[in-house]
Each structure stands twice: as structure tokens, then as C-alpha cells.
Amino acid sequence: MDEHTLQTYSPAYGDRVAVHAFCSSKQSSAAAVEVLYALTELRSKWKSNRQKGNRPGFKPGIFKPGHLSADRTAKRVELGWMNFNEKSMDFKQVRQTGGGGVRHLTINKTLVVQTLLEHAKETCFPPGNSKHGSVEEFDMEIKNFQGIPIDKEMNINDLYIASKLKILSVYMYTKKKTEKVLIEVIMIQFAYTEVIENTWLMLGWKTFIR
């Protein structure tokens, strides 16, 4: 077999050199059969590689996992904590030393905001308490990075679509119920005082009639 014919079966120069060396050392009929078998295997392998390389959209050595995970069920969420400061009368972000910080979560995209709030409570109030007080002492809600309240029925995927951000950032806003309770106590006291005054007026009016 000449060099040109052999190149059709074995394009690689090193393979052809190996075949020539093998044929030179083995001249028997059995050796010829082995060479023919080896050439057949090489040709089959060569054709298989060419077919793979010609497949539409196939580029050897290129793999982009992002395309495969575009429809993944889990999403990344950054969760922060904003607590109301009674001295400055505004919300301040709770630092990591105070039990806050930014938590990097990977959660199911179908999770609704209400469930996320419950998770935030467990995260920031692990035993039900924190440096700022007990979890029962606070009014809580989830807001976006602009401080706008988020509908509790929305899920994480809806928030991603609405925000158009690569990573979703949300915050748990907390405010102690002290002020609310104080107002209710004042209203109760005022109502009680008014009832007492009215009662005395009625009693005084009756006494005056007698």
C-alpha cells in the first residue's frame, strides 16, 4: 500500500509511521490481517470524529453551563435586616455584630414572600430572641432595596422578573410594637377618664335636682 492510499485510512502521520514499522517487522499473513484490522479501526474512528464535528451547533471544547441552568428551580437572594431606631426615628441596617448582616441564600423560585419572612425571622431571631429584643415585640414585613413593601403572595421568580436584577436583594423591616401599644393605652385611658367624668356629671346633676 502506497503512502497516499494509507493517508486515506490514517490521516495522522505518526499512525502511518507506526503501520509502516509494524509491516516491516511482520511479513507473515497473520501480521497482514492484524494490520488490516488496525487500519479498519482507525478509519472507523476517524469517520466518527468527523461526523461529531459536523453536527449543527456542536463546537468541541466549548461548554456553557449557564445555558443549561437558565431554567433552574433555585435562585440566589440577598437578605438584609433594617430595624427602626427610636433615637434617629428612621430605619438602620443591622450589622453582623448585632445579629444582622447580609445573608446569601439559595432558595426555590416558587417560594412566596410570606414564607421568606418566616425564614428571615428564624435567621435573625434564631432562638426567638436577638440583641434588639424578642421576636414577639416587633412588627415585621419584607421590602425591596428601595424600602417599598412587597406583596406577601408574590414568589421569588416574580420578584426577579419585576426587578430585572441578576441578584435579588430584599430586607426584613422591623419596628417595635411599643409605640403602637402606648397609643392604645392612652386611648383606653382617655376613654376611661371620659366615662368617669360623664358619670360624675350625671351624679352631680341628679344631686342638684334633689
N, C-alpha and C. Protein backbone atom coordinates (compact mmCIF):
# COMPACT_ATOMS: atom_id res chain seq x y z
N MET A 1 0.86 -1.19 0.00
CA MET A 1 0.00 0.00 0.00
C MET A 1 0.89 1.24 0.00
N ASP A 2 0.63 2.17 -0.96
CA ASP A 2 1.48 3.36 -1.03
C ASP A 2 1.06 4.38 0.04
N GLU A 3 1.88 5.45 0.16
CA GLU A 3 1.68 6.46 1.20
C GLU A 3 0.35 7.19 1.02
N HIS A 4 -0.03 7.49 -0.23
CA HIS A 4 -1.26 8.23 -0.49
C HIS A 4 -2.50 7.44 -0.08
N THR A 5 -2.51 6.14 -0.40
CA THR A 5 -3.65 5.29 -0.03
C THR A 5 -3.74 5.13 1.49
N LEU A 6 -2.59 4.96 2.14
CA LEU A 6 -2.58 4.80 3.58
C LEU A 6 -3.07 6.07 4.28
N GLN A 7 -2.78 7.24 3.70
CA GLN A 7 -3.21 8.50 4.30
C GLN A 7 -4.73 8.62 4.33
N THR A 8 -5.42 7.97 3.38
CA THR A 8 -6.89 7.97 3.36
C THR A 8 -7.45 7.27 4.58
N TYR A 9 -6.79 6.20 5.01
CA TYR A 9 -7.25 5.42 6.17
C TYR A 9 -6.75 6.02 7.49
N SER A 10 -5.56 6.58 7.46
CA SER A 10 -4.95 7.10 8.69
C SER A 10 -4.35 8.48 8.42
N PRO A 11 -5.11 9.56 8.67
CA PRO A 11 -4.62 10.93 8.37
C PRO A 11 -3.42 11.33 9.22
N ALA A 12 -3.29 10.80 10.43
CA ALA A 12 -2.19 11.19 11.31
C ALA A 12 -0.88 10.58 10.85
N TYR A 13 0.13 11.42 10.74
CA TYR A 13 1.44 10.96 10.24
C TYR A 13 2.06 9.93 11.18
N GLY A 14 1.93 10.16 12.48
CA GLY A 14 2.50 9.23 13.44
C GLY A 14 1.91 7.84 13.34
N ASP A 15 0.58 7.77 13.07
CA ASP A 15 -0.06 6.46 12.91
C ASP A 15 0.48 5.74 11.68
N ARG A 16 0.71 6.49 10.62
CA ARG A 16 1.22 5.85 9.38
C ARG A 16 2.63 5.32 9.58
N VAL A 17 3.46 6.05 10.31
CA VAL A 17 4.83 5.60 10.60
C VAL A 17 4.79 4.29 11.40
N ALA A 18 3.85 4.24 12.37
CA ALA A 18 3.72 3.03 13.19
C ALA A 18 3.29 1.84 12.35
N VAL A 19 2.39 2.07 11.38
CA VAL A 19 1.93 0.99 10.49
C VAL A 19 3.07 0.48 9.63
N HIS A 20 3.84 1.42 9.07
CA HIS A 20 4.99 1.01 8.23
C HIS A 20 5.99 0.19 9.03
N ALA A 21 6.26 0.63 10.26
CA ALA A 21 7.22 -0.10 11.09
C ALA A 21 6.71 -1.48 11.42
N PHE A 22 5.41 -1.58 11.68
CA PHE A 22 4.83 -2.87 12.02
C PHE A 22 4.88 -3.82 10.83
N CYS A 23 4.56 -3.29 9.64
CA CYS A 23 4.57 -4.13 8.44
C CYS A 23 5.98 -4.59 8.09
N SER A 24 6.97 -3.76 8.38
CA SER A 24 8.36 -4.13 8.07
C SER A 24 8.84 -5.26 8.96
N SER A 25 8.36 -5.28 10.20
CA SER A 25 8.80 -6.32 11.13
C SER A 25 7.96 -7.59 11.05
N LYS A 26 6.76 -7.50 10.50
CA LYS A 26 5.85 -8.65 10.43
C LYS A 26 5.42 -8.84 8.98
N GLN A 27 5.94 -9.87 8.33
CA GLN A 27 5.64 -10.11 6.94
C GLN A 27 4.71 -11.31 6.72
N SER A 28 4.35 -11.96 7.79
CA SER A 28 3.51 -13.14 7.65
C SER A 28 2.08 -12.75 7.33
N SER A 29 1.28 -13.69 6.91
CA SER A 29 -0.12 -13.45 6.58
C SER A 29 -0.92 -13.04 7.82
N ALA A 30 -0.56 -13.61 8.94
CA ALA A 30 -1.26 -13.26 10.18
C ALA A 30 -1.04 -11.80 10.52
N ALA A 31 0.20 -11.33 10.30
CA ALA A 31 0.52 -9.93 10.59
C ALA A 31 -0.26 -9.02 9.65
N ALA A 32 -0.42 -9.45 8.39
CA ALA A 32 -1.16 -8.64 7.42
C ALA A 32 -2.62 -8.49 7.85
N VAL A 33 -3.18 -9.54 8.40
CA VAL A 33 -4.57 -9.49 8.88
C VAL A 33 -4.70 -8.50 10.03
N GLU A 34 -3.72 -8.51 10.93
CA GLU A 34 -3.73 -7.60 12.06
C GLU A 34 -3.62 -6.14 11.60
N VAL A 35 -2.78 -5.93 10.60
CA VAL A 35 -2.64 -4.57 10.08
C VAL A 35 -3.94 -4.10 9.46
N LEU A 36 -4.59 -4.97 8.68
CA LEU A 36 -5.84 -4.62 8.04
C LEU A 36 -6.91 -4.28 9.09
N TYR A 37 -6.92 -5.07 10.18
CA TYR A 37 -7.89 -4.81 11.26
C TYR A 37 -7.62 -3.47 11.94
N ALA A 38 -6.33 -3.20 12.14
CA ALA A 38 -5.96 -1.93 12.78
C ALA A 38 -6.35 -0.75 11.91
N LEU A 39 -6.13 -0.87 10.61
CA LEU A 39 -6.50 0.20 9.69
C LEU A 39 -8.00 0.43 9.66
N THR A 40 -8.75 -0.67 9.71
CA THR A 40 -10.22 -0.55 9.73
C THR A 40 -10.70 0.19 10.97
N GLU A 41 -10.11 -0.12 12.12
CA GLU A 41 -10.47 0.55 13.37
C GLU A 41 -10.13 2.04 13.31
N LEU A 42 -8.96 2.36 12.76
CA LEU A 42 -8.55 3.76 12.64
C LEU A 42 -9.48 4.54 11.72
N ARG A 43 -9.86 3.93 10.62
CA ARG A 43 -10.76 4.61 9.69
C ARG A 43 -12.14 4.84 10.31
N SER A 44 -12.65 3.83 11.05
CA SER A 44 -13.95 3.97 11.70
C SER A 44 -13.91 5.09 12.73
N LYS A 45 -12.84 5.17 13.50
CA LYS A 45 -12.69 6.22 14.50
C LYS A 45 -12.61 7.59 13.85
N TRP A 46 -11.88 7.67 12.75
CA TRP A 46 -11.72 8.95 12.05
C TRP A 46 -13.05 9.46 11.50
N LYS A 47 -13.86 8.54 10.92
CA LYS A 47 -15.17 8.92 10.40
C LYS A 47 -16.10 9.38 11.53
N SER A 48 -16.02 8.67 12.67
CA SER A 48 -16.87 9.04 13.80
C SER A 48 -16.55 10.44 14.30
N ASN A 49 -15.28 10.78 14.38
CA ASN A 49 -14.87 12.12 14.83
C ASN A 49 -15.32 13.20 13.86
N ARG A 50 -15.25 12.90 12.57
CA ARG A 50 -15.68 13.87 11.56
C ARG A 50 -17.18 14.12 11.64
N GLN A 51 -17.96 13.06 11.87
CA GLN A 51 -19.41 13.22 11.99
C GLN A 51 -19.79 14.05 13.20
N LYS A 52 -19.09 13.86 14.32
CA LYS A 52 -19.35 14.67 15.50
C LYS A 52 -19.02 16.14 15.25
N GLY A 53 -17.93 16.37 14.55
CA GLY A 53 -17.52 17.74 14.27
C GLY A 53 -18.43 18.46 13.32
N ASN A 54 -19.20 17.71 12.52
CA ASN A 54 -20.11 18.32 11.54
C ASN A 54 -21.53 18.49 12.05
N ARG A 55 -21.80 18.07 13.30
CA ARG A 55 -23.15 18.22 13.82
C ARG A 55 -23.48 19.70 14.00
N PRO A 56 -24.69 20.14 13.64
CA PRO A 56 -25.07 21.55 13.80
C PRO A 56 -25.03 21.98 15.26
N GLY A 57 -24.35 23.10 15.53
CA GLY A 57 -24.30 23.64 16.88
C GLY A 57 -23.26 22.98 17.76
N PHE A 58 -22.53 22.01 17.25
CA PHE A 58 -21.53 21.33 18.06
C PHE A 58 -20.17 21.96 17.85
N LYS A 59 -19.55 22.42 18.96
CA LYS A 59 -18.22 23.00 18.90
C LYS A 59 -17.37 22.32 19.96
N PRO A 60 -16.45 21.45 19.55
CA PRO A 60 -15.63 20.72 20.51
C PRO A 60 -14.89 21.66 21.45
N GLY A 61 -14.90 21.34 22.76
CA GLY A 61 -14.15 22.13 23.73
C GLY A 61 -14.90 23.32 24.27
N ILE A 62 -16.15 23.58 23.82
CA ILE A 62 -16.91 24.73 24.29
C ILE A 62 -18.11 24.23 25.07
N PHE A 63 -18.21 24.67 26.33
CA PHE A 63 -19.33 24.26 27.19
C PHE A 63 -19.74 25.44 28.04
N LYS A 64 -21.00 25.81 27.98
CA LYS A 64 -21.50 26.95 28.74
C LYS A 64 -22.59 26.47 29.68
N PRO A 65 -22.23 26.18 30.95
CA PRO A 65 -23.22 25.65 31.89
C PRO A 65 -24.35 26.62 32.18
N GLY A 66 -24.12 27.92 31.96
CA GLY A 66 -25.17 28.89 32.22
C GLY A 66 -26.41 28.66 31.38
N HIS A 67 -26.21 28.16 30.17
CA HIS A 67 -27.34 27.89 29.29
C HIS A 67 -28.19 26.75 29.82
N LEU A 68 -27.50 25.75 30.41
CA LEU A 68 -28.22 24.60 30.92
C LEU A 68 -28.97 24.92 32.21
N SER A 69 -28.48 25.91 32.97
CA SER A 69 -29.10 26.24 34.25
C SER A 69 -29.99 27.47 34.18
N ALA A 70 -30.33 27.90 32.96
CA ALA A 70 -31.14 29.11 32.82
C ALA A 70 -32.52 28.94 33.42
N ASP A 71 -33.00 27.69 33.41
CA ASP A 71 -34.35 27.43 33.92
C ASP A 71 -34.29 26.69 35.25
N ARG A 72 -33.23 26.92 36.04
CA ARG A 72 -33.06 26.21 37.30
C ARG A 72 -34.15 26.62 38.28
N THR A 73 -34.43 25.74 39.22
CA THR A 73 -35.52 25.98 40.16
C THR A 73 -35.09 26.83 41.35
N ALA A 74 -33.79 26.93 41.62
CA ALA A 74 -33.29 27.70 42.75
C ALA A 74 -32.76 29.05 42.30
N LYS A 75 -32.95 30.06 43.14
CA LYS A 75 -32.49 31.42 42.85
C LYS A 75 -31.68 31.94 44.04
N ARG A 76 -30.75 32.85 43.73
CA ARG A 76 -29.95 33.48 44.78
C ARG A 76 -30.66 34.72 45.29
N VAL A 77 -30.70 34.87 46.60
CA VAL A 77 -31.36 36.01 47.23
C VAL A 77 -30.46 36.56 48.33
N GLU A 78 -30.31 37.89 48.36
CA GLU A 78 -29.58 38.55 49.43
C GLU A 78 -30.60 39.12 50.42
N LEU A 79 -30.48 38.72 51.67
CA LEU A 79 -31.44 39.13 52.70
C LEU A 79 -30.74 39.99 53.74
N GLY A 80 -31.27 41.22 53.95
CA GLY A 80 -30.74 42.11 54.97
C GLY A 80 -31.80 42.42 56.02
N TRP A 81 -31.39 43.13 57.06
CA TRP A 81 -32.29 43.45 58.17
C TRP A 81 -32.21 44.95 58.47
N MET A 82 -33.36 45.62 58.41
CA MET A 82 -33.48 47.03 58.72
C MET A 82 -34.36 47.19 59.95
N ASN A 83 -33.81 47.77 61.03
CA ASN A 83 -34.55 47.92 62.27
C ASN A 83 -34.78 49.41 62.56
N PHE A 84 -35.95 49.73 63.09
CA PHE A 84 -36.29 51.13 63.39
C PHE A 84 -35.52 51.63 64.61
N ASN A 85 -34.84 52.77 64.44
CA ASN A 85 -34.09 53.38 65.52
C ASN A 85 -34.92 54.49 66.15
N GLU A 86 -35.26 54.33 67.43
CA GLU A 86 -36.13 55.29 68.09
C GLU A 86 -35.45 56.64 68.32
N LYS A 87 -34.12 56.66 68.39
CA LYS A 87 -33.41 57.92 68.61
C LYS A 87 -33.39 58.78 67.34
N SER A 88 -33.01 58.15 66.23
CA SER A 88 -32.94 58.89 64.97
C SER A 88 -34.27 58.90 64.22
N MET A 89 -35.22 58.08 64.71
CA MET A 89 -36.56 57.99 64.12
C MET A 89 -36.53 57.58 62.65
N ASP A 90 -35.64 56.65 62.32
CA ASP A 90 -35.60 56.09 60.97
C ASP A 90 -35.05 54.67 61.05
N PHE A 91 -35.06 53.98 59.90
CA PHE A 91 -34.60 52.59 59.87
C PHE A 91 -33.09 52.54 59.61
N LYS A 92 -32.41 51.70 60.38
CA LYS A 92 -30.98 51.49 60.24
C LYS A 92 -30.71 50.02 59.96
N GLN A 93 -29.73 49.77 59.09
CA GLN A 93 -29.39 48.38 58.80
C GLN A 93 -28.65 47.76 59.98
N VAL A 94 -29.08 46.57 60.35
CA VAL A 94 -28.46 45.86 61.47
C VAL A 94 -27.20 45.17 60.96
N ARG A 95 -26.09 45.46 61.63
CA ARG A 95 -24.81 44.88 61.24
C ARG A 95 -24.70 43.43 61.68
N GLN A 96 -23.67 42.77 61.18
CA GLN A 96 -23.48 41.36 61.51
C GLN A 96 -23.22 41.16 63.00
N THR A 97 -22.53 42.12 63.63
CA THR A 97 -22.26 42.00 65.06
C THR A 97 -23.53 42.10 65.89
N GLY A 98 -24.57 42.71 65.32
CA GLY A 98 -25.84 42.83 66.04
C GLY A 98 -26.84 41.76 65.68
N GLY A 99 -26.38 40.74 64.93
CA GLY A 99 -27.26 39.64 64.54
C GLY A 99 -27.82 39.79 63.15
N GLY A 100 -27.39 40.84 62.44
CA GLY A 100 -27.91 41.08 61.09
C GLY A 100 -26.90 40.70 60.02
N GLY A 101 -26.49 41.71 59.24
CA GLY A 101 -25.61 41.43 58.11
C GLY A 101 -26.41 41.01 56.90
N VAL A 102 -25.73 40.77 55.80
CA VAL A 102 -26.39 40.33 54.57
C VAL A 102 -26.26 38.82 54.45
N ARG A 103 -27.39 38.14 54.37
CA ARG A 103 -27.40 36.68 54.24
C ARG A 103 -27.56 36.31 52.77
N HIS A 104 -26.69 35.43 52.28
CA HIS A 104 -26.75 34.98 50.90
C HIS A 104 -27.45 33.62 50.87
N LEU A 105 -28.66 33.62 50.32
CA LEU A 105 -29.50 32.42 50.32
C LEU A 105 -29.67 31.87 48.92
N THR A 106 -29.85 30.57 48.82
CA THR A 106 -30.22 29.91 47.57
C THR A 106 -31.53 29.17 47.86
N ILE A 107 -32.62 29.69 47.30
CA ILE A 107 -33.94 29.18 47.64
C ILE A 107 -34.76 28.89 46.39
N ASN A 108 -35.79 28.10 46.57
CA ASN A 108 -36.67 27.74 45.46
C ASN A 108 -37.38 28.98 44.92
N LYS A 109 -37.44 29.09 43.60
CA LYS A 109 -38.01 30.30 42.99
C LYS A 109 -39.53 30.38 43.15
N THR A 110 -40.18 29.28 43.58
CA THR A 110 -41.62 29.32 43.80
C THR A 110 -41.98 29.75 45.23
N LEU A 111 -40.98 29.98 46.06
CA LEU A 111 -41.21 30.39 47.45
C LEU A 111 -41.86 31.77 47.49
N VAL A 112 -42.93 31.91 48.27
CA VAL A 112 -43.63 33.20 48.37
C VAL A 112 -42.97 34.06 49.44
N VAL A 113 -43.25 35.37 49.39
CA VAL A 113 -42.62 36.33 50.28
C VAL A 113 -42.97 36.05 51.74
N GLN A 114 -44.19 35.62 52.00
CA GLN A 114 -44.60 35.32 53.38
C GLN A 114 -43.71 34.23 53.98
N THR A 115 -43.41 33.20 53.20
CA THR A 115 -42.52 32.14 53.67
C THR A 115 -41.11 32.65 53.86
N LEU A 116 -40.69 33.56 52.98
CA LEU A 116 -39.37 34.18 53.11
C LEU A 116 -39.28 34.99 54.41
N LEU A 117 -40.36 35.65 54.78
CA LEU A 117 -40.40 36.41 56.03
C LEU A 117 -40.22 35.48 57.23
N GLU A 118 -40.89 34.33 57.20
CA GLU A 118 -40.75 33.37 58.29
C GLU A 118 -39.31 32.88 58.38
N HIS A 119 -38.69 32.66 57.23
CA HIS A 119 -37.28 32.24 57.21
C HIS A 119 -36.39 33.34 57.77
N ALA A 120 -36.70 34.60 57.44
CA ALA A 120 -35.91 35.72 57.95
C ALA A 120 -36.02 35.83 59.46
N LYS A 121 -37.21 35.57 60.00
CA LYS A 121 -37.39 35.58 61.46
C LYS A 121 -36.50 34.54 62.13
N GLU A 122 -36.50 33.32 61.56
CA GLU A 122 -35.70 32.25 62.13
C GLU A 122 -34.21 32.56 62.02
N THR A 123 -33.83 33.27 60.95
CA THR A 123 -32.42 33.58 60.73
C THR A 123 -31.93 34.68 61.68
N CYS A 124 -32.71 35.75 61.82
CA CYS A 124 -32.30 36.90 62.63
C CYS A 124 -32.66 36.74 64.11
N PHE A 125 -33.63 35.88 64.38
CA PHE A 125 -34.02 35.59 65.77
C PHE A 125 -33.92 34.08 65.99
N PRO A 126 -32.70 33.52 65.95
CA PRO A 126 -32.54 32.06 65.98
C PRO A 126 -33.24 31.36 67.14
N PRO A 127 -33.09 31.86 68.40
CA PRO A 127 -33.82 31.20 69.49
C PRO A 127 -35.11 31.93 69.82
N GLY A 128 -35.54 32.84 68.94
CA GLY A 128 -36.72 33.65 69.21
C GLY A 128 -36.37 34.99 69.83
N ASN A 129 -35.05 35.23 70.01
CA ASN A 129 -34.59 36.49 70.60
C ASN A 129 -33.38 37.01 69.84
N SER A 130 -33.11 38.30 70.02
CA SER A 130 -31.92 38.93 69.45
C SER A 130 -31.46 40.02 70.41
N LYS A 131 -30.38 40.71 70.03
CA LYS A 131 -29.89 41.80 70.86
C LYS A 131 -30.89 42.95 70.94
N HIS A 132 -31.81 42.99 70.00
CA HIS A 132 -32.78 44.08 69.96
C HIS A 132 -34.09 43.72 70.65
N GLY A 133 -34.25 42.48 71.04
CA GLY A 133 -35.46 42.09 71.73
C GLY A 133 -36.04 40.78 71.21
N SER A 134 -37.19 40.43 71.76
CA SER A 134 -37.86 39.19 71.37
C SER A 134 -38.62 39.39 70.05
N VAL A 135 -38.78 38.30 69.32
CA VAL A 135 -39.45 38.37 68.02
C VAL A 135 -40.90 38.82 68.16
N GLU A 136 -41.51 38.53 69.32
CA GLU A 136 -42.91 38.93 69.53
C GLU A 136 -43.08 40.44 69.73
N GLU A 137 -41.98 41.14 69.97
CA GLU A 137 -42.05 42.58 70.25
C GLU A 137 -42.08 43.44 68.99
N PHE A 138 -41.93 42.79 67.81
CA PHE A 138 -41.75 43.55 66.57
C PHE A 138 -42.89 43.34 65.58
N ASP A 139 -43.18 44.41 64.85
CA ASP A 139 -43.95 44.30 63.60
C ASP A 139 -42.95 44.12 62.48
N MET A 140 -43.20 43.18 61.56
CA MET A 140 -42.22 42.85 60.53
C MET A 140 -42.87 42.78 59.16
N GLU A 141 -42.08 43.13 58.14
CA GLU A 141 -42.51 42.96 56.75
C GLU A 141 -41.29 42.96 55.84
N ILE A 142 -41.46 42.37 54.67
CA ILE A 142 -40.39 42.31 53.67
C ILE A 142 -40.55 43.47 52.69
N LYS A 143 -39.43 44.18 52.44
CA LYS A 143 -39.43 45.28 51.47
C LYS A 143 -38.27 45.10 50.50
N ASN A 144 -38.35 45.78 49.36
CA ASN A 144 -37.26 45.70 48.40
C ASN A 144 -36.14 46.67 48.78
N PHE A 145 -35.12 46.77 47.92
CA PHE A 145 -33.96 47.60 48.26
C PHE A 145 -34.30 49.09 48.29
N GLN A 146 -35.48 49.46 47.77
CA GLN A 146 -35.93 50.85 47.81
C GLN A 146 -36.81 51.15 49.03
N GLY A 147 -37.04 50.13 49.85
CA GLY A 147 -37.88 50.31 51.02
C GLY A 147 -39.36 50.25 50.73
N ILE A 148 -39.72 49.69 49.59
CA ILE A 148 -41.12 49.57 49.20
C ILE A 148 -41.65 48.19 49.62
N PRO A 149 -42.78 48.12 50.34
CA PRO A 149 -43.32 46.83 50.76
C PRO A 149 -43.61 45.92 49.57
N ILE A 150 -43.40 44.62 49.77
CA ILE A 150 -43.62 43.62 48.73
C ILE A 150 -44.85 42.79 49.07
N ASP A 151 -45.66 42.52 48.07
CA ASP A 151 -46.85 41.70 48.26
C ASP A 151 -46.44 40.32 48.78
N LYS A 152 -47.05 39.89 49.88
CA LYS A 152 -46.68 38.63 50.52
C LYS A 152 -46.98 37.41 49.66
N GLU A 153 -47.86 37.56 48.68
CA GLU A 153 -48.24 36.42 47.84
C GLU A 153 -47.34 36.27 46.61
N MET A 154 -46.48 37.23 46.35
CA MET A 154 -45.56 37.12 45.22
C MET A 154 -44.48 36.09 45.54
N ASN A 155 -44.00 35.40 44.50
CA ASN A 155 -42.93 34.45 44.72
C ASN A 155 -41.59 35.03 44.23
N ILE A 156 -40.52 34.31 44.49
CA ILE A 156 -39.18 34.80 44.17
C ILE A 156 -38.98 35.02 42.68
N ASN A 157 -39.54 34.13 41.88
CA ASN A 157 -39.39 34.27 40.43
C ASN A 157 -40.09 35.54 39.93
N ASP A 158 -41.27 35.85 40.49
CA ASP A 158 -41.97 37.09 40.12
C ASP A 158 -41.14 38.31 40.46
N LEU A 159 -40.47 38.28 41.61
CA LEU A 159 -39.64 39.41 42.03
C LEU A 159 -38.44 39.58 41.12
N TYR A 160 -37.86 38.46 40.67
CA TYR A 160 -36.73 38.54 39.74
C TYR A 160 -37.17 39.17 38.42
N ILE A 161 -38.31 38.76 37.94
CA ILE A 161 -38.80 39.31 36.67
C ILE A 161 -39.10 40.80 36.81
N ALA A 162 -39.70 41.18 37.93
CA ALA A 162 -40.06 42.59 38.14
C ALA A 162 -38.83 43.47 38.33
N SER A 163 -37.83 42.97 39.05
CA SER A 163 -36.65 43.79 39.36
C SER A 163 -35.65 43.86 38.22
N LYS A 164 -35.60 42.80 37.39
CA LYS A 164 -34.64 42.73 36.28
C LYS A 164 -33.20 42.81 36.79
N LEU A 165 -32.95 42.25 37.94
CA LEU A 165 -31.62 42.25 38.55
C LEU A 165 -31.02 40.85 38.50
N LYS A 166 -29.68 40.78 38.47
CA LYS A 166 -29.02 39.49 38.45
C LYS A 166 -29.17 38.78 39.80
N ILE A 167 -29.08 39.56 40.89
CA ILE A 167 -29.26 39.01 42.23
C ILE A 167 -30.31 39.84 42.95
N LEU A 168 -31.29 39.18 43.50
CA LEU A 168 -32.39 39.87 44.18
C LEU A 168 -31.98 40.22 45.61
N SER A 169 -32.19 41.49 45.99
CA SER A 169 -31.89 41.95 47.35
C SER A 169 -33.19 42.40 48.02
N VAL A 170 -33.49 41.80 49.17
CA VAL A 170 -34.68 42.16 49.94
C VAL A 170 -34.26 42.39 51.39
N TYR A 171 -35.14 43.08 52.13
CA TYR A 171 -34.83 43.40 53.52
C TYR A 171 -36.04 43.11 54.41
N MET A 172 -35.74 42.64 55.61
CA MET A 172 -36.77 42.49 56.62
C MET A 172 -36.78 43.77 57.46
N TYR A 173 -37.88 44.49 57.41
CA TYR A 173 -38.03 45.73 58.19
C TYR A 173 -38.75 45.39 59.50
N THR A 174 -38.16 45.82 60.60
CA THR A 174 -38.74 45.55 61.92
C THR A 174 -38.91 46.84 62.70
N LYS A 175 -39.98 46.89 63.49
CA LYS A 175 -40.25 48.04 64.34
C LYS A 175 -40.97 47.55 65.59
N LYS A 176 -40.48 47.98 66.73
CA LYS A 176 -41.08 47.52 67.99
C LYS A 176 -42.52 48.00 68.10
N LYS A 177 -43.32 47.17 68.76
CA LYS A 177 -44.73 47.47 68.91
C LYS A 177 -44.98 48.44 70.07
N THR A 178 -43.93 48.93 70.73
CA THR A 178 -44.08 49.79 71.92
C THR A 178 -44.93 51.01 71.65
N GLU A 179 -44.64 51.71 70.55
CA GLU A 179 -45.37 52.93 70.24
C GLU A 179 -46.84 52.63 69.98
N LYS A 180 -47.08 51.55 69.28
CA LYS A 180 -48.46 51.18 68.96
C LYS A 180 -49.22 50.84 70.24
N VAL A 181 -48.58 50.09 71.12
CA VAL A 181 -49.21 49.72 72.39
C VAL A 181 -49.45 50.95 73.25
N LEU A 182 -48.47 51.87 73.25
CA LEU A 182 -48.60 53.08 74.05
C LEU A 182 -49.80 53.92 73.61
N ILE A 183 -49.97 54.03 72.31
CA ILE A 183 -51.11 54.79 71.78
C ILE A 183 -52.42 54.14 72.20
N GLU A 184 -52.47 52.81 72.13
CA GLU A 184 -53.69 52.11 72.53
C GLU A 184 -53.98 52.31 74.02
N VAL A 185 -52.92 52.30 74.85
CA VAL A 185 -53.11 52.51 76.29
C VAL A 185 -53.63 53.92 76.56
N ILE A 186 -53.07 54.91 75.85
CA ILE A 186 -53.51 56.29 76.02
C ILE A 186 -54.98 56.44 75.63
N MET A 187 -55.36 55.81 74.53
CA MET A 187 -56.75 55.89 74.07
C MET A 187 -57.69 55.25 75.08
N ILE A 188 -57.25 54.12 75.66
CA ILE A 188 -58.08 53.45 76.66
C ILE A 188 -58.23 54.33 77.90
N GLN A 189 -57.10 54.92 78.33
CA GLN A 189 -57.15 55.80 79.50
C GLN A 189 -58.04 57.02 79.25
N PHE A 190 -57.93 57.56 78.06
CA PHE A 190 -58.75 58.72 77.71
C PHE A 190 -60.24 58.37 77.74
N ALA A 191 -60.56 57.19 77.15
CA ALA A 191 -61.95 56.74 77.14
C ALA A 191 -62.45 56.49 78.56
N TYR A 192 -61.59 55.91 79.40
CA TYR A 192 -61.98 55.63 80.78
C TYR A 192 -62.22 56.94 81.54
N THR A 193 -61.32 57.92 81.34
CA THR A 193 -61.47 59.22 82.00
C THR A 193 -62.76 59.91 81.57
N GLU A 194 -63.06 59.81 80.30
CA GLU A 194 -64.28 60.43 79.79
C GLU A 194 -65.51 59.79 80.40
N VAL A 195 -65.48 58.48 80.55
CA VAL A 195 -66.61 57.77 81.17
C VAL A 195 -66.77 58.22 82.62
N ILE A 196 -65.65 58.34 83.35
CA ILE A 196 -65.71 58.76 84.74
C ILE A 196 -66.28 60.17 84.86
N GLU A 197 -65.79 61.07 83.99
CA GLU A 197 -66.28 62.44 84.03
C GLU A 197 -67.77 62.51 83.73
N ASN A 198 -68.19 61.75 82.76
CA ASN A 198 -69.61 61.72 82.41
C ASN A 198 -70.44 61.16 83.56
N THR A 199 -69.89 60.17 84.22
CA THR A 199 -70.60 59.57 85.35
C THR A 199 -70.76 60.59 86.48
N TRP A 200 -69.69 61.32 86.78
CA TRP A 200 -69.75 62.32 87.84
C TRP A 200 -70.70 63.46 87.46
N LEU A 201 -70.71 63.79 86.22
CA LEU A 201 -71.63 64.84 85.79
C LEU A 201 -73.08 64.39 85.99
N MET A 202 -73.31 63.12 85.62
CA MET A 202 -74.66 62.60 85.79
C MET A 202 -75.04 62.54 87.26
N LEU A 203 -74.11 62.12 88.11
CA LEU A 203 -74.37 62.05 89.54
C LEU A 203 -74.56 63.45 90.12
N GLY A 204 -73.74 64.37 89.69
CA GLY A 204 -73.86 65.75 90.17
C GLY A 204 -75.16 66.38 89.74
N TRP A 205 -75.58 66.06 88.54
CA TRP A 205 -76.85 66.62 88.04
C TRP A 205 -78.01 66.08 88.83
N LYS A 206 -77.98 64.79 89.16
CA LYS A 206 -79.04 64.18 89.95
C LYS A 206 -79.07 64.76 91.37
N THR A 207 -77.89 64.97 91.95
CA THR A 207 -77.82 65.55 93.29
C THR A 207 -78.39 66.96 93.31
N PHE A 208 -78.09 67.71 92.22
CA PHE A 208 -78.58 69.08 92.13
C PHE A 208 -80.11 69.09 92.02
N ILE A 209 -80.66 68.09 91.31
CA ILE A 209 -82.12 68.02 91.17
C ILE A 209 -82.78 67.77 92.50
N ARG A 210 -82.20 66.93 93.33
CA ARG A 210 -82.75 66.64 94.64
C ARG A 210 -82.71 67.88 95.52
